[in-house]
Protein backbone atom coordinates (compact mmCIF):
# COMPACT_ATOMS: atom_id res chain seq x y z
CA MET A 1 -18.45 1.93 -1.25
CA SER A 2 -21.19 -0.68 -1.58
CA LYS A 3 -24.82 -0.02 -0.63
CA VAL A 4 -24.37 -2.24 2.42
CA ASP A 5 -21.36 -0.18 3.51
CA GLU A 6 -23.32 3.03 2.98
CA TRP A 7 -26.17 1.77 5.19
CA LEU A 8 -23.73 0.60 7.86
CA ALA A 9 -21.96 3.97 7.79
CA TRP A 10 -25.33 5.67 8.32
CA LEU A 11 -26.44 3.31 11.08
CA LEU A 12 -23.04 3.06 12.79
CA PRO A 13 -21.09 6.32 12.40
CA ARG A 14 -17.38 5.76 12.02
CA ARG A 15 -14.95 6.40 14.85
CA CYS A 16 -11.34 7.49 14.38
CA VAL A 17 -8.97 4.52 14.74
CA LEU A 18 -6.47 6.81 16.50
CA CYS A 19 -8.50 8.87 18.97
CA ASN A 20 -11.99 7.25 18.81
CA ALA A 21 -13.66 10.58 17.99
CA PRO A 22 -16.38 10.66 15.29
CA SER A 23 -14.52 10.56 12.00
CA GLY A 24 -17.16 11.28 9.35
CA THR A 25 -16.79 9.14 6.26
CA GLY A 26 -13.19 8.07 6.87
CA LEU A 27 -11.41 6.04 9.52
CA VAL A 28 -9.14 8.88 10.68
CA CYS A 29 -10.69 12.13 11.90
CA ALA A 30 -9.67 15.48 10.44
CA ALA A 31 -7.77 16.51 13.57
CA CYS A 32 -5.66 13.35 13.54
CA VAL A 33 -5.09 13.61 9.79
CA ALA A 34 -3.69 17.11 10.31
CA ASP A 35 -1.32 15.84 13.03
CA LEU A 36 0.11 12.92 11.03
CA PRO A 37 3.80 12.97 10.01
CA TRP A 38 3.26 13.94 6.37
CA LEU A 39 6.29 14.06 4.09
CA PRO A 40 6.74 16.91 1.62
CA PRO A 41 6.73 16.06 -2.10
CA PRO A 42 8.64 14.70 -3.88
CA VAL A 43 8.49 11.91 -1.31
CA VAL A 44 10.95 9.49 -2.85
CA PRO A 45 12.62 10.06 -6.23
CA GLY A 46 12.59 7.33 -8.82
CA GLY A 47 9.01 6.15 -8.93
CA VAL A 48 8.06 5.63 -5.27
CA PHE A 49 5.19 7.57 -3.72
CA ALA A 50 4.88 7.33 0.07
CA PRO A 51 3.22 10.33 1.73
CA LEU A 52 3.77 9.51 5.42
CA SER A 53 6.82 9.03 7.62
CA TYR A 54 7.00 5.70 9.43
CA GLU A 55 6.79 7.10 12.94
CA TYR A 56 4.10 7.42 15.61
CA PRO A 57 1.18 7.01 15.08
CA VAL A 58 1.65 5.66 11.56
CA ASP A 59 3.89 2.86 12.83
CA ARG A 60 1.10 1.83 15.21
CA LEU A 61 -1.31 1.49 12.28
CA VAL A 62 1.17 -0.50 10.18
CA LEU A 63 2.12 -2.92 12.95
CA GLY A 64 -1.47 -3.35 14.09
CA ALA A 65 -2.58 -4.17 10.56
CA LYS A 66 0.31 -6.51 9.84
CA PHE A 67 0.66 -8.48 13.06
CA HIS A 68 -2.49 -7.99 15.14
CA ARG A 69 -5.34 -8.55 12.67
CA ARG A 70 -6.56 -4.98 12.92
CA LEU A 71 -7.89 -4.72 9.38
CA PRO A 72 -9.47 -1.27 9.95
CA TYR A 73 -5.90 0.00 10.43
CA ALA A 74 -4.99 -1.28 6.95
CA ARG A 75 -8.07 0.37 5.47
CA ALA A 76 -7.25 3.62 7.30
CA LEU A 77 -3.76 3.59 5.77
CA GLY A 78 -5.30 2.92 2.38
CA GLU A 79 -7.71 5.84 2.76
CA LEU A 80 -4.82 8.16 3.68
CA LEU A 81 -2.75 6.95 0.72
CA ALA A 82 -5.73 7.29 -1.63
CA ALA A 83 -6.34 10.87 -0.49
CA ALA A 84 -2.68 11.76 -1.04
CA LEU A 85 -2.71 10.16 -4.49
CA ALA A 86 -5.90 11.99 -5.43
CA ALA A 87 -4.35 15.29 -4.32
CA ARG A 88 -1.22 14.53 -6.34
CA SER A 89 -3.33 13.78 -9.39
CA VAL A 90 -5.16 17.11 -9.10
CA ALA A 91 -1.88 18.97 -8.75
CA ALA A 92 -0.21 17.14 -11.65
CA SER A 93 0.36 18.80 -14.99
CA PRO A 94 -2.15 17.87 -17.73
CA ALA A 95 0.88 16.90 -19.80
CA ALA A 96 2.00 14.33 -17.23
CA ALA A 97 2.44 10.75 -18.42
CA SER A 98 -0.46 8.36 -18.13
CA GLY A 99 -0.77 6.75 -14.73
CA PRO A 100 -1.03 3.08 -13.80
CA GLN A 101 -3.72 0.87 -15.32
CA VAL A 102 -3.82 -1.73 -12.55
CA LEU A 103 -2.97 -2.07 -8.86
CA LEU A 104 -0.90 -4.94 -7.50
CA PRO A 105 -0.57 -5.39 -3.72
CA VAL A 106 2.74 -6.96 -2.72
CA PRO A 107 1.97 -10.71 -2.56
CA LEU A 108 2.45 -12.90 0.50
CA HIS A 109 3.75 -16.45 0.22
CA PRO A 110 0.83 -18.93 0.51
CA ALA A 111 2.21 -20.27 3.80
CA ARG A 112 2.40 -16.78 5.31
CA LEU A 113 -1.05 -15.94 3.97
CA ALA A 114 -2.49 -19.10 5.56
CA GLU A 115 -0.82 -18.25 8.85
CA ARG A 116 -1.94 -14.62 8.91
CA GLY A 117 -5.32 -15.10 7.26
CA TYR A 118 -5.11 -11.95 5.12
CA ASN A 119 -2.68 -9.83 3.14
CA GLN A 120 -2.46 -6.39 4.75
CA ALA A 121 -1.19 -4.89 1.47
CA LEU A 122 -4.35 -6.10 -0.29
CA GLU A 123 -6.58 -4.67 2.45
CA LEU A 124 -4.73 -1.35 2.16
CA ALA A 125 -5.11 -1.42 -1.62
CA ARG A 126 -8.90 -1.78 -1.59
CA PRO A 127 -9.76 1.86 -0.69
CA VAL A 128 -7.12 3.06 -3.17
CA ALA A 129 -8.77 1.04 -5.93
CA GLU A 130 -12.21 2.32 -4.91
CA ARG A 131 -11.21 5.98 -4.85
CA LEU A 132 -9.10 5.96 -8.02
CA GLY A 133 -11.34 3.61 -9.99
CA LEU A 134 -8.51 1.21 -10.84
CA PRO A 135 -8.76 -2.59 -10.97
CA LEU A 136 -7.04 -4.65 -8.29
CA MET A 137 -5.05 -7.57 -9.73
CA PRO A 138 -3.55 -9.43 -6.74
CA ARG A 139 -2.89 -12.55 -8.82
CA LEU A 140 -0.74 -10.76 -11.36
CA ALA A 141 2.32 -11.88 -9.38
CA ALA A 142 3.09 -14.42 -6.68
CA ARG A 143 5.66 -14.97 -3.99
CA ARG A 144 7.23 -18.29 -4.93
CA ARG A 145 9.72 -18.53 -2.09
CA ALA A 146 8.92 -18.35 1.62
CA THR A 147 11.38 -15.79 2.94
CA ALA A 148 12.25 -14.86 6.49
CA GLY A 149 10.78 -11.64 7.87
CA GLN A 150 12.70 -8.54 6.85
CA SER A 151 12.55 -6.90 10.29
CA GLY A 152 15.92 -6.79 11.98
CA LEU A 153 17.92 -7.62 8.84
CA SER A 154 20.62 -5.36 7.44
CA ARG A 155 20.15 -3.73 4.04
CA ALA A 156 22.37 -6.31 2.34
CA ALA A 157 20.66 -9.18 4.13
CA ARG A 158 17.25 -7.84 3.09
CA ARG A 159 18.32 -7.84 -0.56
CA ARG A 160 19.60 -11.43 -0.32
CA ASN A 161 16.47 -12.53 1.53
CA VAL A 162 14.06 -11.51 -1.26
CA ARG A 163 16.25 -12.20 -4.28
CA ASP A 164 14.17 -14.09 -6.90
CA ALA A 165 11.31 -14.36 -4.39
CA PHE A 166 8.63 -13.27 -6.89
CA VAL A 167 7.28 -14.51 -10.18
CA ALA A 168 4.86 -12.61 -12.44
CA GLY A 169 2.34 -13.60 -15.06
CA ASP A 170 2.09 -11.96 -18.47
CA CYS A 171 2.44 -8.21 -17.93
CA THR A 172 3.09 -7.21 -21.52
CA GLY A 173 2.53 -3.48 -21.96
CA LEU A 174 0.89 -2.95 -18.57
CA ARG A 175 1.40 0.13 -16.42
CA ILE A 176 1.36 -1.18 -12.85
CA ALA A 177 1.31 0.40 -9.40
CA VAL A 178 2.68 -1.89 -6.70
CA LEU A 179 1.14 -1.21 -3.27
CA ASP A 180 2.66 -1.87 0.13
CA ASP A 181 2.17 -0.63 3.67
CA VAL A 182 5.69 0.67 4.33
CA VAL A 183 8.95 0.96 2.39
CA THR A 184 12.12 0.60 4.45
CA THR A 185 15.13 -0.24 2.28
CA GLY A 186 12.99 -0.95 -0.79
CA SER A 187 14.43 -4.46 -1.18
CA THR A 188 11.07 -6.24 -1.32
CA VAL A 189 9.46 -3.95 -3.87
CA ALA A 190 12.67 -3.87 -5.93
CA ALA A 191 12.60 -7.67 -6.20
CA LEU A 192 8.94 -7.57 -7.23
CA LEU A 193 9.59 -4.83 -9.79
CA ARG A 194 12.33 -6.93 -11.39
CA ALA A 195 9.89 -9.81 -11.82
CA LEU A 196 7.23 -7.53 -13.33
CA ARG A 197 9.64 -5.94 -15.79
CA ALA A 198 10.95 -9.37 -16.78
CA ALA A 199 7.32 -10.33 -17.49
CA GLY A 200 6.92 -7.40 -19.89
CA ALA A 201 5.49 -4.56 -17.78
CA ALA A 202 5.77 -1.24 -19.58
CA GLU A 203 5.92 0.94 -16.45
CA VAL A 204 6.01 0.11 -12.77
CA GLU A 205 5.85 2.44 -9.80
CA VAL A 206 5.48 1.90 -6.08
CA TRP A 207 2.81 3.35 -3.82
CA ALA A 208 3.15 2.89 -0.07
CA ALA A 209 1.40 4.47 2.86
CA ALA A 210 4.68 5.24 4.62
CA ARG A 211 8.44 5.08 4.38
CA THR A 212 11.21 5.07 6.92
CA LEU A 213 13.52 8.06 6.97
């Protein structure tokens, strides 16, 4: 948190984005955090970490951040994800493999970014980077094809929609965490992971605030 943010937090105490009660240093108060639909670990086998179920009120935060320009919702999701990742790190065995070196939010196509004005995955990733002390590298990969929205598509259609949609720069030897707001079928992140591995990434895992059950 910057000095400006610290002064603003002191002058303007934060309110919970869910219930509007005083929320301390975060954007979700302790009572609402306790009531969230947390998933038990392991959340998703095979390299995906997503601590929350995509149901009320998490779905409200995701949709508000993505489609209604409510950037505090994206930051709230990032704070929740960061806290879950920090707790996982504390609980991990000292012999566990080294974690990611860099964070990569799922890129938007330039046309979609211009239309929306922001990338909600990047806004979500900022508090994760701050808490874990990892560099954000949003330009490590790009979305080279403007795809249709995934909502409403079948699993097979989602895979076809994002096939070869991403391109990555030189990732030789890098351990990368890909960040997104929600994982549904995993088609989007799978397409991005293929591009990163083709570009030489040593290890890639996915961190998301939520997943659908």
